[in-house]
Amino acid sequence: MSSIRVEIGEIHVSAEVLGFHKTALVGEEPPPALFFDISNVCAYTTNEFWKVVDLKQAWQYSAGSPVFHMFREVSIASISCFLLPQPPPGKDRVSLQPVTLIDDLSVKTRVTIKQK
């Protein structure tokens, strides 16, 4: 194995909660559903200069040292998050418009793992 690279094309997450009481009260609208759409997640091994390398090169940085360092980079091409109001009982959901909280946010993070 020369390198580890993990890629995920799309992730869709939704959450519908009713809060503390866990049941919808008569006459009250249920809280909105929360939706996340995440696309093109990629995680890979890098060297100390954040260049993509194979595992052998990544291990060389810590060779002879009592402390092991591993450098990882994770990138996400797009994160979108929106709320969709829940229809009151007996109403149609199609007529309700989603409320966008985050739209097309790209993220890149760098992580250093240090172990003795």
PDB file of N, CA and C in Angstrom:
ATOM      1  N   MET A   1       0.861  -1.167   0.000  1.00  0.00           N
ATOM      2  CA  MET A   1       0.000   0.000   0.000  1.00  0.00           C
ATOM      3  C   MET A   1       0.908   1.230   0.000  1.00  0.00           C
ATOM      4  N   SER A   2       0.783   2.069  -0.992  1.00  0.00           N
ATOM      5  CA  SER A   2       1.670   3.226  -1.102  1.00  0.00           C
ATOM      6  C   SER A   2       1.069   4.495  -0.513  1.00  0.00           C
ATOM      7  N   SER A   3      -0.219   4.574  -0.454  1.00  0.00           N
ATOM      8  CA  SER A   3      -0.848   5.794   0.045  1.00  0.00           C
ATOM      9  C   SER A   3      -2.287   5.491   0.440  1.00  0.00           C
ATOM     10  N   ILE A   4      -2.799   6.297   1.340  1.00  0.00           N
ATOM     11  CA  ILE A   4      -4.200   6.159   1.719  1.00  0.00           C
ATOM     12  C   ILE A   4      -4.918   7.446   1.343  1.00  0.00           C
ATOM     13  N   ARG A   5      -5.968   7.283   0.584  1.00  0.00           N
ATOM     14  CA  ARG A   5      -6.789   8.412   0.166  1.00  0.00           C
ATOM     15  C   ARG A   5      -8.232   7.935   0.234  1.00  0.00           C
ATOM     16  N   VAL A   6      -9.056   8.670   0.950  1.00  0.00           N
ATOM     17  CA  VAL A   6     -10.456   8.315   1.102  1.00  0.00           C
ATOM     18  C   VAL A   6     -11.285   9.393   0.420  1.00  0.00           C
ATOM     19  N   GLU A   7     -12.179   8.974  -0.470  1.00  0.00           N
ATOM     20  CA  GLU A   7     -13.053   9.915  -1.164  1.00  0.00           C
ATOM     21  C   GLU A   7     -14.503   9.483  -1.001  1.00  0.00           C
ATOM     22  N   ILE A   8     -15.361  10.448  -0.690  1.00  0.00           N
ATOM     23  CA  ILE A   8     -16.798  10.207  -0.571  1.00  0.00           C
ATOM     24  C   ILE A   8     -17.486  11.214  -1.471  1.00  0.00           C
ATOM     25  N   GLY A   9     -18.319  10.743  -2.380  1.00  0.00           N
ATOM     26  CA  GLY A   9     -18.967  11.618  -3.359  1.00  0.00           C
ATOM     27  C   GLY A   9     -20.040  12.517  -2.761  1.00  0.00           C
ATOM     28  N   GLU A  10     -21.012  11.941  -2.085  1.00  0.00           N
ATOM     29  CA  GLU A  10     -22.107  12.737  -1.532  1.00  0.00           C
ATOM     30  C   GLU A  10     -22.569  12.160  -0.202  1.00  0.00           C
ATOM     31  N   ILE A  11     -22.909  13.056   0.710  1.00  0.00           N
ATOM     32  CA  ILE A  11     -23.488  12.682   1.995  1.00  0.00           C
ATOM     33  C   ILE A  11     -24.728  13.542   2.191  1.00  0.00           C
ATOM     34  N   HIS A  12     -25.842  12.905   2.520  1.00  0.00           N
ATOM     35  CA  HIS A  12     -27.078  13.629   2.791  1.00  0.00           C
ATOM     36  C   HIS A  12     -27.534  13.254   4.199  1.00  0.00           C
ATOM     37  N   VAL A  13     -27.737  14.258   5.028  1.00  0.00           N
ATOM     38  CA  VAL A  13     -28.155  14.033   6.407  1.00  0.00           C
ATOM     39  C   VAL A  13     -29.387  14.877   6.677  1.00  0.00           C
ATOM     40  N   SER A  14     -30.388  14.283   7.311  1.00  0.00           N
ATOM     41  CA  SER A  14     -31.565  15.056   7.699  1.00  0.00           C
ATOM     42  C   SER A  14     -31.913  14.722   9.137  1.00  0.00           C
ATOM     43  N   ALA A  15     -32.474  15.709   9.830  1.00  0.00           N
ATOM     44  CA  ALA A  15     -32.886  15.515  11.221  1.00  0.00           C
ATOM     45  C   ALA A  15     -34.219  16.210  11.435  1.00  0.00           C
ATOM     46  N   GLU A  16     -35.136  15.470  11.986  1.00  0.00           N
ATOM     47  CA  GLU A  16     -36.429  16.033  12.350  1.00  0.00           C
ATOM     48  C   GLU A  16     -36.619  15.760  13.830  1.00  0.00           C
ATOM     49  N   VAL A  17     -36.755  16.838  14.598  1.00  0.00           N
ATOM     50  CA  VAL A  17     -36.921  16.692  16.046  1.00  0.00           C
ATOM     51  C   VAL A  17     -38.185  17.402  16.494  1.00  0.00           C
ATOM     52  N   LEU A  18     -38.717  16.926  17.573  1.00  0.00           N
ATOM     53  CA  LEU A  18     -39.906  17.564  18.136  1.00  0.00           C
ATOM     54  C   LEU A  18     -39.598  18.204  19.482  1.00  0.00           C
ATOM     55  N   GLY A  19     -38.339  18.297  19.829  1.00  0.00           N
ATOM     56  CA  GLY A  19     -37.970  18.992  21.049  1.00  0.00           C
ATOM     57  C   GLY A  19     -38.166  18.162  22.294  1.00  0.00           C
ATOM     58  N   PHE A  20     -38.309  18.833  23.407  1.00  0.00           N
ATOM     59  CA  PHE A  20     -38.344  18.215  24.725  1.00  0.00           C
ATOM     60  C   PHE A  20     -39.491  17.235  24.895  1.00  0.00           C
ATOM     61  N   HIS A  21     -40.659  17.559  24.389  1.00  0.00           N
ATOM     62  CA  HIS A  21     -41.836  16.725  24.637  1.00  0.00           C
ATOM     63  C   HIS A  21     -41.949  15.524  23.705  1.00  0.00           C
ATOM     64  N   LYS A  22     -41.215  15.523  22.593  1.00  0.00           N
ATOM     65  CA  LYS A  22     -41.186  14.416  21.633  1.00  0.00           C
ATOM     66  C   LYS A  22     -42.527  14.150  20.946  1.00  0.00           C
ATOM     67  N   THR A  23     -43.490  14.997  21.152  1.00  0.00           N
ATOM     68  CA  THR A  23     -44.775  14.870  20.450  1.00  0.00           C
ATOM     69  C   THR A  23     -45.220  16.257  20.032  1.00  0.00           C
ATOM     70  N   ALA A  24     -45.912  16.344  18.932  1.00  0.00           N
ATOM     71  CA  ALA A  24     -46.438  17.633  18.486  1.00  0.00           C
ATOM     72  C   ALA A  24     -47.679  17.954  19.310  1.00  0.00           C
ATOM     73  N   LEU A  25     -47.699  19.171  19.844  1.00  0.00           N
ATOM     74  CA  LEU A  25     -48.853  19.598  20.623  1.00  0.00           C
ATOM     75  C   LEU A  25     -49.950  20.102  19.693  1.00  0.00           C
ATOM     76  N   VAL A  26     -51.178  19.881  20.047  1.00  0.00           N
ATOM     77  CA  VAL A  26     -52.313  20.316  19.235  1.00  0.00           C
ATOM     78  C   VAL A  26     -52.277  21.836  19.117  1.00  0.00           C
ATOM     79  N   GLY A  27     -52.408  22.317  17.879  1.00  0.00           N
ATOM     80  CA  GLY A  27     -52.432  23.759  17.635  1.00  0.00           C
ATOM     81  C   GLY A  27     -51.062  24.376  17.438  1.00  0.00           C
ATOM     82  N   GLU A  28     -49.987  23.658  17.673  1.00  0.00           N
ATOM     83  CA  GLU A  28     -48.637  24.185  17.469  1.00  0.00           C
ATOM     84  C   GLU A  28     -48.030  23.579  16.216  1.00  0.00           C
ATOM     85  N   GLU A  29     -47.229  24.380  15.519  1.00  0.00           N
ATOM     86  CA  GLU A  29     -46.532  23.869  14.344  1.00  0.00           C
ATOM     87  C   GLU A  29     -45.291  23.109  14.805  1.00  0.00           C
ATOM     88  N   PRO A  30     -45.015  21.970  14.201  1.00  0.00           N
ATOM     89  CA  PRO A  30     -43.792  21.242  14.563  1.00  0.00           C
ATOM     90  C   PRO A  30     -42.558  22.025  14.106  1.00  0.00           C
ATOM     91  N   PRO A  31     -41.416  21.841  14.768  1.00  0.00           N
ATOM     92  CA  PRO A  31     -40.196  22.550  14.367  1.00  0.00           C
ATOM     93  C   PRO A  31     -39.730  22.096  12.986  1.00  0.00           C
ATOM     94  N   PRO A  32     -38.936  22.923  12.308  1.00  0.00           N
ATOM     95  CA  PRO A  32     -38.477  22.581  10.956  1.00  0.00           C
ATOM     96  C   PRO A  32     -37.493  21.415  10.962  1.00  0.00           C
ATOM     97  N   ALA A  33     -37.392  20.755   9.819  1.00  0.00           N
ATOM     98  CA  ALA A  33     -36.402  19.695   9.626  1.00  0.00           C
ATOM     99  C   ALA A  33     -35.106  20.340   9.137  1.00  0.00           C
ATOM    100  N   LEU A  34     -33.978  19.793   9.571  1.00  0.00           N
ATOM    101  CA  LEU A  34     -32.665  20.295   9.201  1.00  0.00           C
ATOM    102  C   LEU A  34     -32.029  19.327   8.203  1.00  0.00           C
ATOM    103  N   PHE A  35     -31.548  19.851   7.088  1.00  0.00           N
ATOM    104  CA  PHE A  35     -30.932  19.036   6.041  1.00  0.00           C
ATOM    105  C   PHE A  35     -29.521  19.528   5.752  1.00  0.00           C
ATOM    106  N   PHE A  36     -28.575  18.570   5.620  1.00  0.00           N
ATOM    107  CA  PHE A  36     -27.207  18.860   5.211  1.00  0.00           C
ATOM    108  C   PHE A  36     -26.922  18.091   3.932  1.00  0.00           C
ATOM    109  N   ASP A  37     -26.321  18.762   2.964  1.00  0.00           N
ATOM    110  CA  ASP A  37     -25.820  18.118   1.752  1.00  0.00           C
ATOM    111  C   ASP A  37     -24.322  18.395   1.691  1.00  0.00           C
ATOM    112  N   ILE A  38     -23.524  17.337   1.702  1.00  0.00           N
ATOM    113  CA  ILE A  38     -22.069  17.455   1.691  1.00  0.00           C
ATOM    114  C   ILE A  38     -21.565  16.690   0.480  1.00  0.00           C
ATOM    115  N   SER A  39     -20.711  17.331  -0.320  1.00  0.00           N
ATOM    116  CA  SER A  39     -20.232  16.645  -1.529  1.00  0.00           C
ATOM    117  C   SER A  39     -18.715  16.706  -1.640  1.00  0.00           C
ATOM    118  N   ASN A  40     -18.193  15.654  -2.249  1.00  0.00           N
ATOM    119  CA  ASN A  40     -16.775  15.508  -2.566  1.00  0.00           C
ATOM    120  C   ASN A  40     -15.871  15.696  -1.346  1.00  0.00           C
ATOM    121  N   VAL A  41     -15.995  14.770  -0.400  1.00  0.00           N
ATOM    122  CA  VAL A  41     -15.129  14.748   0.778  1.00  0.00           C
ATOM    123  C   VAL A  41     -13.898  13.921   0.428  1.00  0.00           C
ATOM    124  N   CYS A  42     -12.722  14.449   0.708  1.00  0.00           N
ATOM    125  CA  CYS A  42     -11.484  13.765   0.371  1.00  0.00           C
ATOM    126  C   CYS A  42     -10.503  13.903   1.537  1.00  0.00           C
ATOM    127  N   ALA A  43      -9.952  12.791   2.003  1.00  0.00           N
ATOM    128  CA  ALA A  43      -8.954  12.792   3.075  1.00  0.00           C
ATOM    129  C   ALA A  43      -7.710  12.064   2.579  1.00  0.00           C
ATOM    130  N   TYR A  44      -6.537  12.637   2.850  1.00  0.00           N
ATOM    131  CA  TYR A  44      -5.307  12.024   2.365  1.00  0.00           C
ATOM    132  C   TYR A  44      -4.136  12.362   3.271  1.00  0.00           C
ATOM    133  N   THR A  45      -3.063  11.584   3.117  1.00  0.00           N
ATOM    134  CA  THR A  45      -1.839  11.745   3.897  1.00  0.00           C
ATOM    135  C   THR A  45      -0.932  12.748   3.204  1.00  0.00           C
ATOM    136  N   THR A  46      -0.304  13.614   4.009  1.00  0.00           N
ATOM    137  CA  THR A  46       0.622  14.611   3.469  1.00  0.00           C
ATOM    138  C   THR A  46       1.936  14.544   4.242  1.00  0.00           C
ATOM    139  N   ASN A  47       2.912  15.304   3.767  1.00  0.00           N
ATOM    140  CA  ASN A  47       4.147  15.450   4.527  1.00  0.00           C
ATOM    141  C   ASN A  47       4.051  16.706   5.394  1.00  0.00           C
ATOM    142  N   GLU A  48       5.151  17.056   6.053  1.00  0.00           N
ATOM    143  CA  GLU A  48       5.135  18.220   6.950  1.00  0.00           C
ATOM    144  C   GLU A  48       4.932  19.547   6.219  1.00  0.00           C
ATOM    145  N   PHE A  49       5.048  19.554   4.898  1.00  0.00           N
ATOM    146  CA  PHE A  49       4.820  20.762   4.095  1.00  0.00           C
ATOM    147  C   PHE A  49       3.443  20.749   3.429  1.00  0.00           C
ATOM    148  N   TRP A  50       2.582  19.796   3.809  1.00  0.00           N
ATOM    149  CA  TRP A  50       1.204  19.645   3.338  1.00  0.00           C
ATOM    150  C   TRP A  50       1.114  19.293   1.854  1.00  0.00           C
ATOM    151  N   LYS A  51       2.131  18.592   1.380  1.00  0.00           N
ATOM    152  CA  LYS A  51       2.105  18.045   0.021  1.00  0.00           C
ATOM    153  C   LYS A  51       1.696  16.584   0.110  1.00  0.00           C
ATOM    154  N   VAL A  52       0.840  16.117  -0.785  1.00  0.00           N
ATOM    155  CA  VAL A  52       0.381  14.731  -0.779  1.00  0.00           C
ATOM    156  C   VAL A  52       1.570  13.812  -1.077  1.00  0.00           C
ATOM    157  N   VAL A  53       1.762  12.815  -0.193  1.00  0.00           N
ATOM    158  CA  VAL A  53       2.870  11.866  -0.347  1.00  0.00           C
ATOM    159  C   VAL A  53       2.367  10.463  -0.064  1.00  0.00           C
ATOM    160  N   ASP A  54       3.194   9.455  -0.405  1.00  0.00           N
ATOM    161  CA  ASP A  54       2.825   8.090  -0.045  1.00  0.00           C
ATOM    162  C   ASP A  54       3.187   7.848   1.426  1.00  0.00           C
ATOM    163  N   LEU A  55       2.733   6.719   1.966  1.00  0.00           N
ATOM    164  CA  LEU A  55       2.924   6.449   3.387  1.00  0.00           C
ATOM    165  C   LEU A  55       4.396   6.318   3.780  1.00  0.00           C
ATOM    166  N   LYS A  56       5.212   5.764   2.898  1.00  0.00           N
ATOM    167  CA  LYS A  56       6.631   5.599   3.209  1.00  0.00           C
ATOM    168  C   LYS A  56       7.282   6.959   3.455  1.00  0.00           C
ATOM    169  N   GLN A  57       6.991   7.927   2.603  1.00  0.00           N
ATOM    170  CA  GLN A  57       7.537   9.269   2.781  1.00  0.00           C
ATOM    171  C   GLN A  57       6.970   9.926   4.040  1.00  0.00           C
ATOM    172  N   ALA A  58       5.717   9.683   4.338  1.00  0.00           N
ATOM    173  CA  ALA A  58       5.098  10.270   5.523  1.00  0.00           C
ATOM    174  C   ALA A  58       5.765   9.734   6.794  1.00  0.00           C
ATOM    175  N   TRP A  59       6.122   8.447   6.820  1.00  0.00           N
ATOM    176  CA  TRP A  59       6.766   7.852   7.986  1.00  0.00           C
ATOM    177  C   TRP A  59       8.197   8.355   8.156  1.00  0.00           C
ATOM    178  N   GLN A  60       8.856   8.728   7.089  1.00  0.00           N
ATOM    179  CA  GLN A  60      10.248   9.171   7.168  1.00  0.00           C
ATOM    180  C   GLN A  60      10.422  10.414   8.027  1.00  0.00           C
ATOM    181  N   TYR A  61       9.429  11.254   8.104  1.00  0.00           N
ATOM    182  CA  TYR A  61       9.531  12.481   8.891  1.00  0.00           C
ATOM    183  C   TYR A  61       9.799  12.158  10.362  1.00  0.00           C
ATOM    184  N   SER A  62       9.188  11.085  10.871  1.00  0.00           N
ATOM    185  CA  SER A  62       9.328  10.734  12.287  1.00  0.00           C
ATOM    186  C   SER A  62      10.372   9.666  12.551  1.00  0.00           C
ATOM    187  N   ALA A  63      11.082   9.238  11.523  1.00  0.00           N
ATOM    188  CA  ALA A  63      12.089   8.180  11.693  1.00  0.00           C
ATOM    189  C   ALA A  63      13.157   8.619  12.690  1.00  0.00           C
ATOM    190  N   GLY A  64      13.428   7.750  13.673  1.00  0.00           N
ATOM    191  CA  GLY A  64      14.457   8.048  14.668  1.00  0.00           C
ATOM    192  C   GLY A  64      13.992   8.981  15.780  1.00  0.00           C
ATOM    193  N   SER A  65      12.784   9.398  15.756  1.00  0.00           N
ATOM    194  CA  SER A  65      12.248  10.295  16.774  1.00  0.00           C
ATOM    195  C   SER A  65      11.377   9.499  17.751  1.00  0.00           C
ATOM    196  N   PRO A  66      11.398   9.859  19.037  1.00  0.00           N
ATOM    197  CA  PRO A  66      10.527   9.150  19.986  1.00  0.00           C
ATOM    198  C   PRO A  66       9.053   9.515  19.819  1.00  0.00           C
ATOM    199  N   VAL A  67       8.790  10.578  19.089  1.00  0.00           N
ATOM    200  CA  VAL A  67       7.413  11.022  18.855  1.00  0.00           C
ATOM    201  C   VAL A  67       7.080  10.842  17.377  1.00  0.00           C
ATOM    202  N   PHE A  68       5.913  10.252  17.116  1.00  0.00           N
ATOM    203  CA  PHE A  68       5.461  10.006  15.744  1.00  0.00           C
ATOM    204  C   PHE A  68       4.516  11.126  15.309  1.00  0.00           C
ATOM    205  N   HIS A  69       4.746  11.698  14.141  1.00  0.00           N
ATOM    206  CA  HIS A  69       3.866  12.726  13.570  1.00  0.00           C
ATOM    207  C   HIS A  69       3.276  12.219  12.261  1.00  0.00           C
ATOM    208  N   MET A  70       1.964  12.382  12.102  1.00  0.00           N
ATOM    209  CA  MET A  70       1.305  12.056  10.837  1.00  0.00           C
ATOM    210  C   MET A  70       0.481  13.282  10.451  1.00  0.00           C
ATOM    211  N   PHE A  71       0.605  13.676   9.200  1.00  0.00           N
ATOM    212  CA  PHE A  71      -0.092  14.862   8.704  1.00  0.00           C
ATOM    213  C   PHE A  71      -1.203  14.427   7.762  1.00  0.00           C
ATOM    214  N   ARG A  72      -2.380  14.944   7.979  1.00  0.00           N
ATOM    215  CA  ARG A  72      -3.550  14.617   7.155  1.00  0.00           C
ATOM    216  C   ARG A  72      -4.213  15.907   6.693  1.00  0.00           C
ATOM    217  N   GLU A  73      -4.799  15.830   5.518  1.00  0.00           N
ATOM    218  CA  GLU A  73      -5.572  16.959   5.010  1.00  0.00           C
ATOM    219  C   GLU A  73      -6.929  16.432   4.562  1.00  0.00           C
ATOM    220  N   VAL A  74      -7.976  17.157   4.927  1.00  0.00           N
ATOM    221  CA  VAL A  74      -9.337  16.794   4.547  1.00  0.00           C
ATOM    222  C   VAL A  74      -9.938  17.986   3.821  1.00  0.00           C
ATOM    223  N   SER A  75     -10.505  17.737   2.655  1.00  0.00           N
ATOM    224  CA  SER A  75     -11.167  18.817   1.915  1.00  0.00           C
ATOM    225  C   SER A  75     -12.605  18.414   1.608  1.00  0.00           C
ATOM    226  N   ILE A  76     -13.469  19.396   1.638  1.00  0.00           N
ATOM    227  CA  ILE A  76     -14.875  19.212   1.310  1.00  0.00           C
ATOM    228  C   ILE A  76     -15.209  20.257   0.253  1.00  0.00           C
ATOM    229  N   ALA A  77     -15.672  19.812  -0.891  1.00  0.00           N
ATOM    230  CA  ALA A  77     -15.955  20.733  -1.994  1.00  0.00           C
ATOM    231  C   ALA A  77     -17.145  21.629  -1.687  1.00  0.00           C
ATOM    232  N   SER A  78     -18.173  21.072  -1.043  1.00  0.00           N
ATOM    233  CA  SER A  78     -19.381  21.860  -0.841  1.00  0.00           C
ATOM    234  C   SER A  78     -20.186  21.347   0.352  1.00  0.00           C
ATOM    235  N   ILE A  79     -20.590  22.278   1.223  1.00  0.00           N
ATOM    236  CA  ILE A  79     -21.522  21.977   2.307  1.00  0.00           C
ATOM    237  C   ILE A  79     -22.695  22.940   2.159  1.00  0.00           C
ATOM    238  N   SER A  80     -23.887  22.395   2.159  1.00  0.00           N
ATOM    239  CA  SER A  80     -25.099  23.216   2.152  1.00  0.00           C
ATOM    240  C   SER A  80     -25.984  22.745   3.297  1.00  0.00           C
ATOM    241  N   CYS A  81     -26.636  23.683   3.937  1.00  0.00           N
ATOM    242  CA  CYS A  81     -27.503  23.363   5.063  1.00  0.00           C
ATOM    243  C   CYS A  81     -28.758  24.222   4.948  1.00  0.00           C
ATOM    244  N   PHE A  82     -29.919  23.584   5.123  1.00  0.00           N
ATOM    245  CA  PHE A  82     -31.149  24.364   5.075  1.00  0.00           C
ATOM    246  C   PHE A  82     -32.205  23.769   5.997  1.00  0.00           C
ATOM    247  N   LEU A  83     -33.133  24.619   6.376  1.00  0.00           N
ATOM    248  CA  LEU A  83     -34.272  24.221   7.192  1.00  0.00           C
ATOM    249  C   LEU A  83     -35.493  24.121   6.301  1.00  0.00           C
ATOM    250  N   LEU A  84     -36.278  23.102   6.506  1.00  0.00           N
ATOM    251  CA  LEU A  84     -37.533  22.960   5.778  1.00  0.00           C
ATOM    252  C   LEU A  84     -38.656  22.930   6.804  1.00  0.00           C
ATOM    253  N   PRO A  85     -39.494  23.960   6.800  1.00  0.00           N
ATOM    254  CA  PRO A  85     -40.594  23.981   7.770  1.00  0.00           C
ATOM    255  C   PRO A  85     -41.477  22.752   7.622  1.00  0.00           C
ATOM    256  N   GLN A  86     -41.896  22.215   8.752  1.00  0.00           N
ATOM    257  CA  GLN A  86     -42.805  21.079   8.759  1.00  0.00           C
ATOM    258  C   GLN A  86     -44.228  21.581   8.570  1.00  0.00           C
ATOM    259  N   PRO A  87     -45.006  20.923   7.758  1.00  0.00           N
ATOM    260  CA  PRO A  87     -46.384  21.373   7.577  1.00  0.00           C
ATOM    261  C   PRO A  87     -47.227  21.037   8.811  1.00  0.00           C
ATOM    262  N   PRO A  88     -48.134  21.911   9.158  1.00  0.00           N
ATOM    263  CA  PRO A  88     -49.075  21.551  10.222  1.00  0.00           C
ATOM    264  C   PRO A  88     -49.868  20.322   9.793  1.00  0.00           C
ATOM    265  N   PRO A  89     -50.379  19.549  10.731  1.00  0.00           N
ATOM    266  CA  PRO A  89     -51.141  18.345  10.367  1.00  0.00           C
ATOM    267  C   PRO A  89     -52.244  18.659   9.355  1.00  0.00           C
ATOM    268  N   GLY A  90     -52.306  17.841   8.303  1.00  0.00           N
ATOM    269  CA  GLY A  90     -53.332  18.018   7.280  1.00  0.00           C
ATOM    270  C   GLY A  90     -52.927  18.959   6.155  1.00  0.00           C
ATOM    271  N   LYS A  91     -51.755  19.590   6.233  1.00  0.00           N
ATOM    272  CA  LYS A  91     -51.299  20.519   5.189  1.00  0.00           C
ATOM    273  C   LYS A  91     -50.260  19.822   4.314  1.00  0.00           C
ATOM    274  N   ASP A  92     -50.033  20.401   3.115  1.00  0.00           N
ATOM    275  CA  ASP A  92     -49.098  19.836   2.151  1.00  0.00           C
ATOM    276  C   ASP A  92     -47.717  20.454   2.331  1.00  0.00           C
ATOM    277  N   ARG A  93     -46.664  19.621   2.360  1.00  0.00           N
ATOM    278  CA  ARG A  93     -45.295  20.095   2.538  1.00  0.00           C
ATOM    279  C   ARG A  93     -44.757  20.803   1.297  1.00  0.00           C
ATOM    280  N   VAL A  94     -45.250  20.483   0.136  1.00  0.00           N
ATOM    281  CA  VAL A  94     -44.721  21.013  -1.129  1.00  0.00           C
ATOM    282  C   VAL A  94     -44.798  22.536  -1.189  1.00  0.00           C
ATOM    283  N   SER A  95     -45.796  23.136  -0.591  1.00  0.00           N
ATOM    284  CA  SER A  95     -45.966  24.583  -0.682  1.00  0.00           C
ATOM    285  C   SER A  95     -44.997  25.356   0.204  1.00  0.00           C
ATOM    286  N   LEU A  96     -44.273  24.703   1.103  1.00  0.00           N
ATOM    287  CA  LEU A  96     -43.362  25.385   2.016  1.00  0.00           C
ATOM    288  C   LEU A  96     -41.987  25.549   1.378  1.00  0.00           C
ATOM    289  N   GLN A  97     -41.369  26.712   1.561  1.00  0.00           N
ATOM    290  CA  GLN A  97     -40.061  27.011   0.976  1.00  0.00           C
ATOM    291  C   GLN A  97     -38.951  26.757   2.000  1.00  0.00           C
ATOM    292  N   PRO A  98     -37.839  26.142   1.569  1.00  0.00           N
ATOM    293  CA  PRO A  98     -36.721  25.924   2.495  1.00  0.00           C
ATOM    294  C   PRO A  98     -36.023  27.239   2.832  1.00  0.00           C
ATOM    295  N   VAL A  99     -35.428  27.286   4.012  1.00  0.00           N
ATOM    296  CA  VAL A  99     -34.653  28.439   4.458  1.00  0.00           C
ATOM    297  C   VAL A  99     -33.185  28.019   4.437  1.00  0.00           C
ATOM    298  N   THR A 100     -32.388  28.677   3.609  1.00  0.00           N
ATOM    299  CA  THR A 100     -30.978  28.322   3.460  1.00  0.00           C
ATOM    300  C   THR A 100     -30.159  28.935   4.592  1.00  0.00           C
ATOM    301  N   LEU A 101     -29.385  28.092   5.282  1.00  0.00           N
ATOM    302  CA  LEU A 101     -28.491  28.563   6.332  1.00  0.00           C
ATOM    303  C   LEU A 101     -27.062  28.686   5.825  1.00  0.00           C
ATOM    304  N   ILE A 102     -26.610  27.686   5.078  1.00  0.00           N
ATOM    305  CA  ILE A 102     -25.272  27.673   4.477  1.00  0.00           C
ATOM    306  C   ILE A 102     -25.434  27.177   3.052  1.00  0.00           C
ATOM    307  N   ASP A 103     -24.784  27.859   2.100  1.00  0.00           N
ATOM    308  CA  ASP A 103     -24.913  27.423   0.714  1.00  0.00           C
ATOM    309  C   ASP A 103     -23.550  27.349   0.052  1.00  0.00           C
ATOM    310  N   ASP A 104     -23.172  26.160  -0.401  1.00  0.00           N
ATOM    311  CA  ASP A 104     -21.976  25.928  -1.198  1.00  0.00           C
ATOM    312  C   ASP A 104     -20.693  26.405  -0.506  1.00  0.00           C
ATOM    313  N   LEU A 105     -20.510  26.031   0.750  1.00  0.00           N
ATOM    314  CA  LEU A 105     -19.320  26.377   1.515  1.00  0.00           C
ATOM    315  C   LEU A 105     -18.261  25.304   1.295  1.00  0.00           C
ATOM    316  N   SER A 106     -17.054  25.688   0.895  1.00  0.00           N
ATOM    317  CA  SER A 106     -15.973  24.718   0.747  1.00  0.00           C
ATOM    318  C   SER A 106     -15.067  24.805   1.977  1.00  0.00           C
ATOM    319  N   VAL A 107     -14.509  23.649   2.367  1.00  0.00           N
ATOM    320  CA  VAL A 107     -13.720  23.564   3.599  1.00  0.00           C
ATOM    321  C   VAL A 107     -12.460  22.767   3.330  1.00  0.00           C
ATOM    322  N   LYS A 108     -11.342  23.214   3.904  1.00  0.00           N
ATOM    323  CA  LYS A 108     -10.124  22.438   3.888  1.00  0.00           C
ATOM    324  C   LYS A 108      -9.537  22.534   5.290  1.00  0.00           C
ATOM    325  N   THR A 109      -9.206  21.385   5.879  1.00  0.00           N
ATOM    326  CA  THR A 109      -8.625  21.376   7.216  1.00  0.00           C
ATOM    327  C   THR A 109      -7.367  20.525   7.224  1.00  0.00           C
ATOM    328  N   ARG A 110      -6.427  20.910   8.059  1.00  0.00           N
ATOM    329  CA  ARG A 110      -5.178  20.173   8.190  1.00  0.00           C
ATOM    330  C   ARG A 110      -5.045  19.688   9.622  1.00  0.00           C
ATOM    331  N   VAL A 111      -4.679  18.418   9.769  1.00  0.00           N
ATOM    332  CA  VAL A 111      -4.616  17.782  11.083  1.00  0.00           C
ATOM    333  C   VAL A 111      -3.229  17.171  11.256  1.00  0.00           C
ATOM    334  N   THR A 112      -2.635  17.420  12.400  1.00  0.00           N
ATOM    335  CA  THR A 112      -1.370  16.778  12.755  1.00  0.00           C
ATOM    336  C   THR A 112      -1.647  15.822  13.909  1.00  0.00           C
ATOM    337  N   ILE A 113      -1.307  14.562  13.717  1.00  0.00           N
ATOM    338  CA  ILE A 113      -1.477  13.558  14.751  1.00  0.00           C
ATOM    339  C   ILE A 113      -0.109  13.301  15.366  1.00  0.00           C
ATOM    340  N   LYS A 114      -0.031  13.458  16.679  1.00  0.00           N
ATOM    341  CA  LYS A 114       1.239  13.284  17.390  1.00  0.00           C
ATOM    342  C   LYS A 114       1.058  12.178  18.415  1.00  0.00           C
ATOM    343  N   GLN A 115       1.892  11.133  18.348  1.00  0.00           N
ATOM    344  CA  GLN A 115       1.811  10.015  19.273  1.00  0.00           C
ATOM    345  C   GLN A 115       3.194   9.668  19.793  1.00  0.00           C
ATOM    346  N   LYS A 116       3.231   9.212  21.049  1.00  0.00           N
ATOM    347  CA  LYS A 116       4.514   8.767  21.631  1.00  0.00           C
ATOM    348  C   LYS A 116       4.660   7.275  21.458  1.00  0.00           C
TER     349      LYS A 116
END
